Protein backbone atom coordinates (compact mmCIF):
# COMPACT_ATOMS: atom_id res chain seq x y z
CA MET A 1 27.48 17.60 -38.11
CA SER A 2 25.72 17.81 -34.77
CA THR A 3 26.50 20.04 -31.85
CA ARG A 4 26.24 18.41 -28.48
CA ILE A 5 25.96 20.52 -25.37
CA LEU A 6 26.06 18.50 -22.21
CA PRO A 7 23.91 19.33 -19.18
CA ASP A 8 27.00 20.69 -17.44
CA SER A 9 27.00 23.85 -19.58
CA ASP A 10 28.08 27.01 -17.88
CA VAL A 11 28.01 30.70 -18.65
CA ARG A 12 31.11 32.87 -18.79
CA PRO A 13 31.63 36.49 -19.84
CA ASP A 14 33.03 37.48 -23.16
CA LEU A 15 35.87 39.91 -22.59
CA SER A 16 37.61 40.18 -25.94
CA HIS A 17 38.21 43.61 -27.41
CA GLY A 18 37.07 45.31 -30.56
CA ASP A 19 34.33 43.04 -31.84
CA GLY A 20 31.20 44.83 -30.72
CA ASP A 21 28.32 43.57 -28.63
CA HIS A 22 29.82 40.15 -27.85
CA GLU A 23 31.96 41.63 -25.08
CA ARG A 24 28.89 42.89 -23.23
CA PHE A 25 27.47 39.41 -22.53
CA ALA A 26 28.07 36.17 -20.70
CA HIS A 27 28.15 33.26 -23.14
CA TYR A 28 27.23 29.57 -22.99
CA VAL A 29 30.27 27.26 -23.06
CA GLN A 30 30.75 23.63 -22.11
CA LYS A 31 31.70 23.56 -18.44
CA SER A 32 34.59 21.12 -19.02
CA LYS A 33 36.06 23.61 -21.51
CA ILE A 34 35.87 26.38 -18.90
CA THR A 35 37.82 24.21 -16.47
CA GLU A 36 40.38 23.33 -19.15
CA SER A 37 40.77 27.00 -20.05
CA ALA A 38 41.31 27.94 -16.40
CA VAL A 39 44.14 25.40 -16.17
CA THR A 40 45.77 25.82 -19.58
CA GLY A 41 44.76 29.33 -20.67
CA THR A 42 43.38 28.04 -23.97
CA PRO A 43 40.46 29.94 -25.50
CA VAL A 44 36.91 28.58 -25.40
CA VAL A 45 34.19 28.74 -28.06
CA ALA A 46 30.67 29.87 -27.12
CA LEU A 47 27.53 28.55 -28.79
CA CYS A 48 27.33 31.76 -30.81
CA GLY A 49 30.87 31.21 -32.10
CA LYS A 50 32.63 33.75 -29.90
CA VAL A 51 36.19 32.71 -29.01
CA TRP A 52 37.99 34.08 -25.93
CA VAL A 53 39.78 33.19 -22.69
CA PRO A 54 37.29 33.65 -19.82
CA ASN A 55 38.59 35.34 -16.71
CA ARG A 56 35.75 37.28 -15.05
CA ASP A 57 32.56 36.55 -13.11
CA PRO A 58 29.79 35.77 -15.63
CA LYS A 59 27.11 36.77 -13.13
CA LYS A 60 28.00 40.41 -13.77
CA TYR A 61 26.82 40.21 -17.41
CA PRO A 62 23.52 39.48 -19.12
CA VAL A 63 23.37 36.22 -21.10
CA CYS A 64 24.15 36.52 -24.80
CA PRO A 65 20.79 36.42 -26.61
CA GLU A 66 22.27 34.42 -29.49
CA CYS A 67 23.75 31.78 -27.15
CA LYS A 68 20.48 31.58 -25.22
CA GLU A 69 18.43 31.13 -28.40
CA ILE A 70 20.75 28.38 -29.65
CA TYR A 71 20.80 26.62 -26.27
CA GLU A 72 17.01 26.70 -25.93
CA GLY A 73 16.62 25.36 -29.47
CA LEU A 74 18.74 22.30 -28.82
CA ARG A 75 16.90 19.05 -28.35
CA PRO A 76 17.82 16.87 -25.35
CA GLY A 77 20.82 14.74 -26.22
CA GLY A 78 22.04 17.12 -28.90
CA ASP A 79 20.86 14.91 -31.80
CA ASP A 80 19.92 17.04 -34.80
CA SER A 81 19.20 14.20 -37.21
CA GLY A 82 15.48 15.01 -37.39
CA ASP A 83 14.38 11.42 -36.77
């Protein structure tokens, strides 16, 4: 299975409660999912696996190191076939 992150990725804060450090960071999420969440209220999934409904300004939080590491390790196009 490959994970494809499109160039329109965005960063949003993680504001869930009770799960430790995740709530202290802004996380990478597909921008289209952020828009969908804003309209429908459905949760989004960050690259690191964090699930939440974004509702605050991500610029107020440092970027999640795990999301950043995953994002920077992705090859252009999201193809992880190794060819």
